[in-house]
Amino acid sequence: MAVYCSNCGLKNADDASRCTSCEADIKPRRSAGAGMFKGTMLISPAQARPSENAKSQKESGKAAHGTMLMGSLPTAGSQPAPPSPPLTPPSMPAPRRTQPAKGTVPSSGDSFPPRPTVSSEWPGGAFVSQRPAPKTTVVWVLLVLTLLAVTGAAIAGAYAWKAMRDNRHAQTSFAHKLEAETGRLRMGIALHAVRTQCGLDRCAAAAQYFHPSVRETLLAQAPTISERALHVLLTPDLSRAQVLSGTPLAKVAEAARIPPNACIQVRSGQALVIGCTLPYADPQFQILRLEHLETLTP
């Protein structure tokens, strides 16, 4: 059976009395009337590796470093000792937490205090918040975005409506202008026919070009229709033609039971002529009013 040195831990022969490495005495001592001991030997890390200066320690009289724990020696008829409990390492103290110095920013290697769950301030002045953004903030952001989208859509709709209104107004103005210029030509044809008939002393035959409600009155004014008056009334640069609807003179057409949008007025200074298109009459264009045509003749 091999024997291990209690000083350097080297394996030696069973009958060796000294260690072949450190020459320490390895022969165990026996008590009188007792056999060889049984126990457990614990060797420190210093004992696990051979000592290079073991001989110098022996010569200087220093005791070998190591500890041997042995159980009690068994006697005849006694029960073996129970095994010793396993060794547990000593508990280490918890590391201390340190706070950063006032006025400094903590680094990644520093130990921090427990992180707060609500908004707070570090002693150094750095603001730290671990609380997530509340749901109300998200709701407000969605409301603001929705309001902006609705406002943008309303502005775009207003511009589109204005553009459509302007376009419709332009189209209406163009239609009214076209209708007014067409009515000017019809008026010129009717006035020229009246002047021609009156020049031939046939003014009674020209009465058909006047509206029945004002026929007798307008026949008395027929001689005032001159060549100069016709030239002024038929020239766009010298007179203005306009549809009667929407003007103060619309009541003249309403009094004769004629739709105002079927009548036009041609004005040049004080001179005024109102004529209406009547689809059911013959001729279809009839004069409704003549005023101050003598002012157009020099």
C-alpha atoms as a PDB file:
ATOM      1  CA  MET A   1       0.000   0.000   0.000  1.00  0.00           C
ATOM      2  CA  ALA A   2       1.352   3.424  -0.989  1.00  0.00           C
ATOM      3  CA  VAL A   3       1.903   6.158   1.562  1.00  0.00           C
ATOM      4  CA  TYR A   4       1.625   9.894   0.796  1.00  0.00           C
ATOM      5  CA  CYS A   5       3.897  12.464   2.355  1.00  0.00           C
ATOM      6  CA  SER A   6       2.030  14.810   4.697  1.00  0.00           C
ATOM      7  CA  ASN A   7       4.413  17.663   3.851  1.00  0.00           C
ATOM      8  CA  CYS A   8       4.639  17.702   0.042  1.00  0.00           C
ATOM      9  CA  GLY A   9       1.939  15.136  -0.915  1.00  0.00           C
ATOM     10  CA  LEU A  10       4.342  12.873  -2.897  1.00  0.00           C
ATOM     11  CA  LYS A  11       3.472   9.181  -3.236  1.00  0.00           C
ATOM     12  CA  ASN A  12       6.029   6.922  -1.497  1.00  0.00           C
ATOM     13  CA  ALA A  13       6.422   3.209  -0.916  1.00  0.00           C
ATOM     14  CA  ASP A  14       4.550   1.547   1.914  1.00  0.00           C
ATOM     15  CA  ASP A  15       7.699   0.759   3.879  1.00  0.00           C
ATOM     16  CA  ALA A  16       9.359   4.171   3.344  1.00  0.00           C
ATOM     17  CA  SER A  17      10.078   6.113   6.503  1.00  0.00           C
ATOM     18  CA  ARG A  18      11.154   9.341   4.832  1.00  0.00           C
ATOM     19  CA  CYS A  19       9.835  11.202   1.765  1.00  0.00           C
ATOM     20  CA  THR A  20      12.017  10.772  -1.265  1.00  0.00           C
ATOM     21  CA  SER A  21      11.421  14.411  -2.206  1.00  0.00           C
ATOM     22  CA  CYS A  22      11.475  16.516   0.966  1.00  0.00           C
ATOM     23  CA  GLU A  23      12.945  13.814   3.325  1.00  0.00           C
ATOM     24  CA  ALA A  24      10.195  14.468   5.856  1.00  0.00           C
ATOM     25  CA  ASP A  25       9.259  11.751   8.305  1.00  0.00           C
ATOM     26  CA  ILE A  26       6.235   9.970   6.906  1.00  0.00           C
ATOM     27  CA  LYS A  27       6.132   6.945   9.263  1.00  0.00           C
ATOM     28  CA  PRO A  28       2.923   7.329  11.323  1.00  0.00           C
ATOM     29  CA  ARG A  29       3.123   6.882  15.078  1.00  0.00           C
ATOM     30  CA  ARG A  30       1.077   4.171  16.641  1.00  0.00           C
ATOM     31  CA  SER A  31      -0.515   4.191  20.082  1.00  0.00           C
ATOM     32  CA  ALA A  32       0.087   1.275  22.393  1.00  0.00           C
ATOM     33  CA  GLY A  33      -2.350  -1.576  21.781  1.00  0.00           C
ATOM     34  CA  ALA A  34      -3.988   0.190  18.819  1.00  0.00           C
ATOM     35  CA  GLY A  35      -3.878  -0.491  15.137  1.00  0.00           C
ATOM     36  CA  MET A  36      -3.222   2.008  12.341  1.00  0.00           C
ATOM     37  CA  PHE A  37      -5.560   5.044  12.347  1.00  0.00           C
ATOM     38  CA  LYS A  38      -8.332   5.606   9.901  1.00  0.00           C
ATOM     39  CA  GLY A  39      -9.332   9.136   9.009  1.00  0.00           C
ATOM     40  CA  THR A  40      -9.356  11.902   6.410  1.00  0.00           C
ATOM     41  CA  MET A  41      -6.384  14.030   5.465  1.00  0.00           C
ATOM     42  CA  LEU A  42      -6.867  17.606   4.132  1.00  0.00           C
ATOM     43  CA  ILE A  43      -3.916  19.142   2.325  1.00  0.00           C
ATOM     44  CA  SER A  44      -3.671  22.878   1.703  1.00  0.00           C
ATOM     45  CA  PRO A  45      -2.782  24.256  -1.788  1.00  0.00           C
ATOM     46  CA  ALA A  46       0.703  24.982  -0.538  1.00  0.00           C
ATOM     47  CA  GLN A  47       1.123  21.315   0.324  1.00  0.00           C
ATOM     48  CA  ALA A  48      -0.231  20.060  -3.028  1.00  0.00           C
ATOM     49  CA  ARG A  49       2.852  21.183  -4.977  1.00  0.00           C
ATOM     50  CA  PRO A  50       6.397  20.126  -4.009  1.00  0.00           C
ATOM     51  CA  SER A  51       8.351  22.643  -2.063  1.00  0.00           C
ATOM     52  CA  GLU A  52      11.596  23.651  -3.636  1.00  0.00           C
ATOM     53  CA  ASN A  53      13.196  24.661  -0.360  1.00  0.00           C
ATOM     54  CA  ALA A  54      11.964  21.745   1.756  1.00  0.00           C
ATOM     55  CA  LYS A  55      15.538  20.808   2.733  1.00  0.00           C
ATOM     56  CA  SER A  56      16.309  24.319   3.891  1.00  0.00           C
ATOM     57  CA  GLN A  57      13.105  24.345   5.979  1.00  0.00           C
ATOM     58  CA  LYS A  58      14.143  21.068   7.635  1.00  0.00           C
ATOM     59  CA  GLU A  59      17.620  22.327   8.425  1.00  0.00           C
ATOM     60  CA  SER A  60      16.323  25.595   9.878  1.00  0.00           C
ATOM     61  CA  GLY A  61      13.915  23.712  12.118  1.00  0.00           C
ATOM     62  CA  LYS A  62      10.737  25.113  10.681  1.00  0.00           C
ATOM     63  CA  ALA A  63       7.658  22.940  10.960  1.00  0.00           C
ATOM     64  CA  ALA A  64       6.041  21.750   7.765  1.00  0.00           C
ATOM     65  CA  HIS A  65       2.919  23.675   6.728  1.00  0.00           C
ATOM     66  CA  GLY A  66      -0.185  21.506   6.650  1.00  0.00           C
ATOM     67  CA  THR A  67      -2.999  20.248   8.701  1.00  0.00           C
ATOM     68  CA  MET A  68      -4.074  16.668   9.241  1.00  0.00           C
ATOM     69  CA  LEU A  69      -7.486  15.963  10.568  1.00  0.00           C
ATOM     70  CA  MET A  70      -7.977  12.432  11.789  1.00  0.00           C
ATOM     71  CA  GLY A  71     -10.988  10.788  13.180  1.00  0.00           C
ATOM     72  CA  SER A  72     -10.893   8.853  16.406  1.00  0.00           C
ATOM     73  CA  LEU A  73      -9.075   5.565  16.320  1.00  0.00           C
ATOM     74  CA  PRO A  74     -11.437   2.667  16.092  1.00  0.00           C
ATOM     75  CA  THR A  75     -11.432   0.055  18.870  1.00  0.00           C
ATOM     76  CA  ALA A  76     -12.381  -3.519  18.767  1.00  0.00           C
ATOM     77  CA  GLY A  77     -16.144  -3.981  18.475  1.00  0.00           C
ATOM     78  CA  SER A  78     -16.892  -0.254  17.971  1.00  0.00           C
ATOM     79  CA  GLN A  79     -19.010   1.154  15.137  1.00  0.00           C
ATOM     80  CA  PRO A  80     -17.247   3.195  12.437  1.00  0.00           C
ATOM     81  CA  ALA A  81     -17.546   6.970  12.791  1.00  0.00           C
ATOM     82  CA  PRO A  82     -20.124   8.661  10.556  1.00  0.00           C
ATOM     83  CA  PRO A  83     -18.747  10.558   7.567  1.00  0.00           C
ATOM     84  CA  SER A  84     -18.024  14.219   8.109  1.00  0.00           C
ATOM     85  CA  PRO A  85     -20.414  16.708   6.449  1.00  0.00           C
ATOM     86  CA  PRO A  86     -19.243  18.365   3.228  1.00  0.00           C
ATOM     87  CA  LEU A  87     -17.481  21.667   3.548  1.00  0.00           C
ATOM     88  CA  THR A  88     -19.302  24.784   2.304  1.00  0.00           C
ATOM     89  CA  PRO A  89     -17.501  27.907   1.146  1.00  0.00           C
ATOM     90  CA  PRO A  90     -17.950  30.985   3.321  1.00  0.00           C
ATOM     91  CA  SER A  91     -20.588  33.464   2.182  1.00  0.00           C
ATOM     92  CA  MET A  92     -19.262  36.626   0.598  1.00  0.00           C
ATOM     93  CA  PRO A  93     -20.680  39.993   1.671  1.00  0.00           C
ATOM     94  CA  ALA A  94     -22.930  41.733  -0.879  1.00  0.00           C
ATOM     95  CA  PRO A  95     -21.149  44.439  -2.864  1.00  0.00           C
ATOM     96  CA  ARG A  96     -21.795  47.946  -1.681  1.00  0.00           C
ATOM     97  CA  ARG A  97     -23.646  50.291  -3.996  1.00  0.00           C
ATOM     98  CA  THR A  98     -22.110  53.678  -4.397  1.00  0.00           C
ATOM     99  CA  GLN A  99     -23.761  56.778  -5.781  1.00  0.00           C
ATOM    100  CA  PRO A 100     -21.893  59.063  -8.181  1.00  0.00           C
ATOM    101  CA  ALA A 101     -20.390  62.219  -6.822  1.00  0.00           C
ATOM    102  CA  LYS A 102     -22.487  65.357  -7.053  1.00  0.00           C
ATOM    103  CA  GLY A 103     -21.984  67.178 -10.331  1.00  0.00           C
ATOM    104  CA  THR A 104     -20.612  64.143 -12.218  1.00  0.00           C
ATOM    105  CA  VAL A 105     -22.201  61.809 -14.735  1.00  0.00           C
ATOM    106  CA  PRO A 106     -22.086  58.138 -13.678  1.00  0.00           C
ATOM    107  CA  SER A 107     -20.009  55.870 -15.933  1.00  0.00           C
ATOM    108  CA  SER A 108     -20.886  52.387 -17.105  1.00  0.00           C
ATOM    109  CA  GLY A 109     -18.562  50.800 -14.513  1.00  0.00           C
ATOM    110  CA  ASP A 110     -20.089  52.533 -11.495  1.00  0.00           C
ATOM    111  CA  SER A 111     -22.578  50.821  -9.235  1.00  0.00           C
ATOM    112  CA  PHE A 112     -25.949  52.475  -9.389  1.00  0.00           C
ATOM    113  CA  PRO A 113     -28.720  52.609  -6.818  1.00  0.00           C
ATOM    114  CA  PRO A 114     -31.938  50.798  -7.667  1.00  0.00           C
ATOM    115  CA  ARG A 115     -33.418  52.324 -10.810  1.00  0.00           C
ATOM    116  CA  PRO A 116     -36.604  54.256 -10.053  1.00  0.00           C
ATOM    117  CA  THR A 117     -39.936  53.238 -11.466  1.00  0.00           C
ATOM    118  CA  VAL A 118     -41.198  56.828 -11.591  1.00  0.00           C
ATOM    119  CA  SER A 119     -39.553  60.020 -12.792  1.00  0.00           C
ATOM    120  CA  SER A 120     -36.884  61.293 -10.422  1.00  0.00           C
ATOM    121  CA  GLU A 121     -33.587  63.179 -10.506  1.00  0.00           C
ATOM    122  CA  TRP A 122     -30.122  62.007  -9.676  1.00  0.00           C
ATOM    123  CA  PRO A 123     -28.172  64.060  -7.125  1.00  0.00           C
ATOM    124  CA  GLY A 124     -25.896  65.157  -9.971  1.00  0.00           C
ATOM    125  CA  GLY A 125     -28.771  66.758 -11.860  1.00  0.00           C
ATOM    126  CA  ALA A 126     -29.172  64.140 -14.647  1.00  0.00           C
ATOM    127  CA  PHE A 127     -32.848  63.376 -15.225  1.00  0.00           C
ATOM    128  CA  VAL A 128     -33.682  59.666 -15.346  1.00  0.00           C
ATOM    129  CA  SER A 129     -37.096  58.210 -16.069  1.00  0.00           C
ATOM    130  CA  GLN A 130     -37.798  54.516 -16.491  1.00  0.00           C
ATOM    131  CA  ARG A 131     -41.546  54.931 -16.673  1.00  0.00           C
ATOM    132  CA  PRO A 132     -42.954  54.152 -20.146  1.00  0.00           C
ATOM    133  CA  ALA A 133     -44.876  56.790 -22.053  1.00  0.00           C
ATOM    134  CA  PRO A 134     -48.513  56.842 -20.877  1.00  0.00           C
ATOM    135  CA  LYS A 135     -51.227  55.726 -23.218  1.00  0.00           C
ATOM    136  CA  THR A 136     -52.837  59.159 -23.054  1.00  0.00           C
ATOM    137  CA  THR A 137     -49.857  60.604 -24.957  1.00  0.00           C
ATOM    138  CA  VAL A 138     -50.438  58.170 -27.831  1.00  0.00           C
ATOM    139  CA  VAL A 139     -54.131  59.054 -27.841  1.00  0.00           C
ATOM    140  CA  TRP A 140     -53.352  62.772 -27.997  1.00  0.00           C
ATOM    141  CA  VAL A 141     -50.890  62.228 -30.844  1.00  0.00           C
ATOM    142  CA  LEU A 142     -53.520  60.306 -32.820  1.00  0.00           C
ATOM    143  CA  LEU A 143     -56.086  63.041 -32.154  1.00  0.00           C
ATOM    144  CA  VAL A 144     -53.690  65.753 -33.350  1.00  0.00           C
ATOM    145  CA  LEU A 145     -52.861  63.803 -36.522  1.00  0.00           C
ATOM    146  CA  THR A 146     -56.566  63.223 -37.186  1.00  0.00           C
ATOM    147  CA  LEU A 147     -57.296  66.928 -36.678  1.00  0.00           C
ATOM    148  CA  LEU A 148     -54.503  67.880 -39.077  1.00  0.00           C
ATOM    149  CA  ALA A 149     -55.815  65.430 -41.680  1.00  0.00           C
ATOM    150  CA  VAL A 150     -59.376  66.768 -41.347  1.00  0.00           C
ATOM    151  CA  THR A 151     -58.137  70.364 -41.560  1.00  0.00           C
ATOM    152  CA  GLY A 152     -56.099  69.590 -44.676  1.00  0.00           C
ATOM    153  CA  ALA A 153     -59.066  67.858 -46.289  1.00  0.00           C
ATOM    154  CA  ALA A 154     -61.323  70.828 -45.445  1.00  0.00           C
ATOM    155  CA  ILE A 155     -58.845  73.309 -46.948  1.00  0.00           C
ATOM    156  CA  ALA A 156     -58.464  71.201 -50.082  1.00  0.00           C
ATOM    157  CA  GLY A 157     -62.249  70.909 -50.373  1.00  0.00           C
ATOM    158  CA  ALA A 158     -62.657  74.686 -49.974  1.00  0.00           C
ATOM    159  CA  TYR A 159     -60.118  75.351 -52.735  1.00  0.00           C
ATOM    160  CA  ALA A 160     -61.812  72.784 -54.987  1.00  0.00           C
ATOM    161  CA  TRP A 161     -65.233  74.308 -54.326  1.00  0.00           C
ATOM    162  CA  LYS A 162     -63.923  77.812 -55.045  1.00  0.00           C
ATOM    163  CA  ALA A 163     -62.329  76.614 -58.268  1.00  0.00           C
ATOM    164  CA  MET A 164     -65.583  74.951 -59.329  1.00  0.00           C
ATOM    165  CA  ARG A 165     -67.562  78.060 -58.421  1.00  0.00           C
ATOM    166  CA  ASP A 166     -65.225  80.298 -60.373  1.00  0.00           C
ATOM    167  CA  ASN A 167     -65.354  77.923 -63.308  1.00  0.00           C
ATOM    168  CA  ARG A 168     -69.140  77.815 -63.169  1.00  0.00           C
ATOM    169  CA  HIS A 169     -69.302  81.584 -62.845  1.00  0.00           C
ATOM    170  CA  ALA A 170     -66.987  81.929 -65.832  1.00  0.00           C
ATOM    171  CA  GLN A 171     -69.102  79.505 -67.816  1.00  0.00           C
ATOM    172  CA  THR A 172     -72.287  81.331 -66.789  1.00  0.00           C
ATOM    173  CA  SER A 173     -70.770  84.683 -67.651  1.00  0.00           C
ATOM    174  CA  PHE A 174     -69.659  83.384 -71.020  1.00  0.00           C
ATOM    175  CA  ALA A 175     -73.118  81.898 -71.677  1.00  0.00           C
ATOM    176  CA  HIS A 176     -74.810  85.151 -70.663  1.00  0.00           C
ATOM    177  CA  LYS A 177     -72.422  87.170 -72.795  1.00  0.00           C
ATOM    178  CA  LEU A 178     -73.013  84.894 -75.775  1.00  0.00           C
ATOM    179  CA  GLU A 179     -76.768  85.114 -75.254  1.00  0.00           C
ATOM    180  CA  ALA A 180     -76.560  88.899 -74.913  1.00  0.00           C
ATOM    181  CA  GLU A 181     -74.603  89.276 -78.153  1.00  0.00           C
ATOM    182  CA  THR A 182     -77.034  86.970 -79.958  1.00  0.00           C
ATOM    183  CA  GLY A 183     -79.925  89.067 -78.629  1.00  0.00           C
ATOM    184  CA  ARG A 184     -78.157  92.222 -79.832  1.00  0.00           C
ATOM    185  CA  LEU A 185     -78.185  90.858 -83.397  1.00  0.00           C
ATOM    186  CA  ARG A 186     -81.888  89.947 -83.171  1.00  0.00           C
ATOM    187  CA  MET A 187     -82.638  93.385 -81.761  1.00  0.00           C
ATOM    188  CA  GLY A 188     -80.750  95.027 -84.628  1.00  0.00           C
ATOM    189  CA  ILE A 189     -82.795  93.028 -87.172  1.00  0.00           C
ATOM    190  CA  ALA A 190     -86.082  94.037 -85.516  1.00  0.00           C
ATOM    191  CA  LEU A 191     -85.137  97.742 -85.233  1.00  0.00           C
ATOM    192  CA  HIS A 192     -83.961  97.815 -88.862  1.00  0.00           C
ATOM    193  CA  ALA A 193     -87.289  96.305 -90.004  1.00  0.00           C
ATOM    194  CA  VAL A 194     -89.252  98.931 -88.015  1.00  0.00           C
ATOM    195  CA  ARG A 195     -87.159 101.781 -89.478  1.00  0.00           C
ATOM    196  CA  THR A 196     -87.629 100.394 -93.008  1.00  0.00           C
ATOM    197  CA  GLN A 197     -91.409 100.085 -92.627  1.00  0.00           C
ATOM    198  CA  CYS A 198     -91.730 103.574 -91.146  1.00  0.00           C
ATOM    199  CA  GLY A 199     -89.604 104.996 -93.974  1.00  0.00           C
ATOM    200  CA  LEU A 200     -92.155 103.612 -96.383  1.00  0.00           C
ATOM    201  CA  ASP A 201     -95.012 105.152 -94.357  1.00  0.00           C
ATOM    202  CA  ARG A 202     -96.019 101.706 -93.206  1.00  0.00           C
ATOM    203  CA  CYS A 203     -95.385 102.009 -89.465  1.00  0.00           C
ATOM    204  CA  ALA A 204     -98.604 100.136 -88.722  1.00  0.00           C
ATOM    205  CA  ALA A 205     -97.100  97.061 -90.423  1.00  0.00           C
ATOM    206  CA  ALA A 206     -94.067  97.368 -88.178  1.00  0.00           C
ATOM    207  CA  ALA A 207     -96.235  97.067 -85.046  1.00  0.00           C
ATOM    208  CA  GLN A 208     -95.695  93.290 -85.026  1.00  0.00           C
ATOM    209  CA  TYR A 209     -92.106  93.836 -83.791  1.00  0.00           C
ATOM    210  CA  PHE A 210     -93.387  95.451 -80.569  1.00  0.00           C
ATOM    211  CA  HIS A 211     -94.792  93.561 -77.588  1.00  0.00           C
ATOM    212  CA  PRO A 212     -98.591  93.762 -77.456  1.00  0.00           C
ATOM    213  CA  SER A 213     -98.541  95.256 -73.942  1.00  0.00           C
ATOM    214  CA  VAL A 214     -96.602  98.345 -75.106  1.00  0.00           C
ATOM    215  CA  ARG A 215     -97.353  98.343 -78.857  1.00  0.00           C
ATOM    216  CA  GLU A 216     -99.219 101.691 -79.064  1.00  0.00           C
ATOM    217  CA  THR A 217     -96.601 103.518 -77.006  1.00  0.00           C
ATOM    218  CA  LEU A 218     -93.650 102.188 -78.993  1.00  0.00           C
ATOM    219  CA  LEU A 219     -95.278 103.008 -82.373  1.00  0.00           C
ATOM    220  CA  ALA A 220     -95.147 106.692 -81.396  1.00  0.00           C
ATOM    221  CA  GLN A 221     -91.377 106.395 -80.752  1.00  0.00           C
ATOM    222  CA  ALA A 222     -90.594 104.487 -83.976  1.00  0.00           C
ATOM    223  CA  PRO A 223     -89.502 107.646 -85.934  1.00  0.00           C
ATOM    224  CA  THR A 224     -86.618 108.116 -83.420  1.00  0.00           C
ATOM    225  CA  ILE A 225     -84.871 104.999 -84.775  1.00  0.00           C
ATOM    226  CA  SER A 226     -82.174 106.470 -87.030  1.00  0.00           C
ATOM    227  CA  GLU A 227     -79.270 105.000 -88.944  1.00  0.00           C
ATOM    228  CA  ARG A 228     -76.883 106.389 -86.335  1.00  0.00           C
ATOM    229  CA  ALA A 229     -78.896 104.834 -83.494  1.00  0.00           C
ATOM    230  CA  LEU A 230     -78.750 101.428 -85.190  1.00  0.00           C
ATOM    231  CA  HIS A 231     -74.987 101.736 -85.686  1.00  0.00           C
ATOM    232  CA  VAL A 232     -74.401 102.579 -82.010  1.00  0.00           C
ATOM    233  CA  LEU A 233     -76.723  99.862 -80.679  1.00  0.00           C
ATOM    234  CA  LEU A 234     -75.170  97.155 -82.887  1.00  0.00           C
ATOM    235  CA  THR A 235     -71.523  98.052 -82.159  1.00  0.00           C
ATOM    236  CA  PRO A 236     -70.130  96.306 -78.965  1.00  0.00           C
ATOM    237  CA  ASP A 237     -67.524  99.065 -78.485  1.00  0.00           C
ATOM    238  CA  LEU A 238     -70.252 101.778 -78.446  1.00  0.00           C
ATOM    239  CA  SER A 239     -72.926 100.014 -76.391  1.00  0.00           C
ATOM    240  CA  ARG A 240     -73.286  97.295 -73.794  1.00  0.00           C
ATOM    241  CA  ALA A 241     -75.551  94.257 -74.100  1.00  0.00           C
ATOM    242  CA  GLN A 242     -76.646  92.385 -70.963  1.00  0.00           C
ATOM    243  CA  VAL A 243     -79.137  89.682 -69.999  1.00  0.00           C
ATOM    244  CA  LEU A 244     -81.999  91.215 -68.031  1.00  0.00           C
ATOM    245  CA  SER A 245     -82.086  88.631 -65.210  1.00  0.00           C
ATOM    246  CA  GLY A 246     -80.415  89.842 -62.036  1.00  0.00           C
ATOM    247  CA  THR A 247     -80.690  93.540 -62.975  1.00  0.00           C
ATOM    248  CA  PRO A 248     -83.039  96.222 -61.633  1.00  0.00           C
ATOM    249  CA  LEU A 249     -84.905  96.228 -64.963  1.00  0.00           C
ATOM    250  CA  ALA A 250     -85.921  92.572 -64.539  1.00  0.00           C
ATOM    251  CA  LYS A 251     -89.237  93.828 -63.113  1.00  0.00           C
ATOM    252  CA  VAL A 252     -90.072  95.273 -66.547  1.00  0.00           C
ATOM    253  CA  ALA A 253     -90.048  91.749 -68.016  1.00  0.00           C
ATOM    254  CA  GLU A 254     -91.927  90.356 -65.020  1.00  0.00           C
ATOM    255  CA  ALA A 255     -94.631  92.996 -65.458  1.00  0.00           C
ATOM    256  CA  ALA A 256     -95.145  91.757 -69.020  1.00  0.00           C
ATOM    257  CA  ARG A 257     -95.130  88.158 -67.788  1.00  0.00           C
ATOM    258  CA  ILE A 258     -91.915  87.358 -69.585  1.00  0.00           C
ATOM    259  CA  PRO A 259     -89.009  85.495 -67.951  1.00  0.00           C
ATOM    260  CA  PRO A 260     -86.165  87.998 -67.354  1.00  0.00           C
ATOM    261  CA  ASN A 261     -83.574  85.536 -68.638  1.00  0.00           C
ATOM    262  CA  ALA A 262     -85.332  85.631 -72.038  1.00  0.00           C
ATOM    263  CA  CYS A 263     -84.760  89.382 -72.377  1.00  0.00           C
ATOM    264  CA  ILE A 264     -81.698  91.554 -72.999  1.00  0.00           C
ATOM    265  CA  GLN A 265     -80.968  95.229 -72.650  1.00  0.00           C
ATOM    266  CA  VAL A 266     -78.663  97.320 -74.847  1.00  0.00           C
ATOM    267  CA  ARG A 267     -77.544 100.593 -73.317  1.00  0.00           C
ATOM    268  CA  SER A 268     -75.468 103.473 -74.635  1.00  0.00           C
ATOM    269  CA  GLY A 269     -75.527 106.529 -72.413  1.00  0.00           C
ATOM    270  CA  GLN A 270     -79.151 107.413 -71.746  1.00  0.00           C
ATOM    271  CA  ALA A 271     -80.410 105.408 -74.721  1.00  0.00           C
ATOM    272  CA  LEU A 272     -81.956 102.077 -73.757  1.00  0.00           C
ATOM    273  CA  VAL A 273     -83.608  99.247 -75.727  1.00  0.00           C
ATOM    274  CA  ILE A 274     -85.103  96.099 -74.131  1.00  0.00           C
ATOM    275  CA  GLY A 275     -86.059  93.118 -76.287  1.00  0.00           C
ATOM    276  CA  CYS A 276     -87.250  89.609 -75.481  1.00  0.00           C
ATOM    277  CA  THR A 277     -87.251  86.266 -77.298  1.00  0.00           C
ATOM    278  CA  LEU A 278     -90.702  84.681 -77.310  1.00  0.00           C
ATOM    279  CA  PRO A 279     -90.723  81.191 -78.843  1.00  0.00           C
ATOM    280  CA  TYR A 280     -94.547  81.161 -79.164  1.00  0.00           C
ATOM    281  CA  ALA A 281     -94.801  84.593 -80.906  1.00  0.00           C
ATOM    282  CA  ASP A 282     -94.373  85.658 -84.520  1.00  0.00           C
ATOM    283  CA  PRO A 283     -91.901  87.212 -84.911  1.00  0.00           C
ATOM    284  CA  GLN A 284     -90.112  85.546 -82.056  1.00  0.00           C
ATOM    285  CA  PHE A 285     -88.067  88.632 -81.021  1.00  0.00           C
ATOM    286  CA  GLN A 286     -90.150  91.623 -79.868  1.00  0.00           C
ATOM    287  CA  ILE A 287     -89.198  95.087 -78.540  1.00  0.00           C
ATOM    288  CA  LEU A 288     -90.371  95.748 -74.955  1.00  0.00           C
ATOM    289  CA  ARG A 289     -88.974  99.241 -74.309  1.00  0.00           C
ATOM    290  CA  LEU A 290     -87.443 102.202 -76.210  1.00  0.00           C
ATOM    291  CA  GLU A 291     -85.938 105.145 -74.315  1.00  0.00           C
ATOM    292  CA  HIS A 292     -84.015 108.260 -75.425  1.00  0.00           C
ATOM    293  CA  LEU A 293     -82.927 106.993 -78.849  1.00  0.00           C
ATOM    294  CA  GLU A 294     -82.892 110.599 -80.067  1.00  0.00           C
ATOM    295  CA  THR A 295     -79.768 111.179 -77.946  1.00  0.00           C
ATOM    296  CA  LEU A 296     -77.843 108.858 -80.264  1.00  0.00           C
ATOM    297  CA  THR A 297     -78.522 111.057 -83.333  1.00  0.00           C
ATOM    298  CA  PRO A 298     -76.074 113.987 -83.715  1.00  0.00           C
END
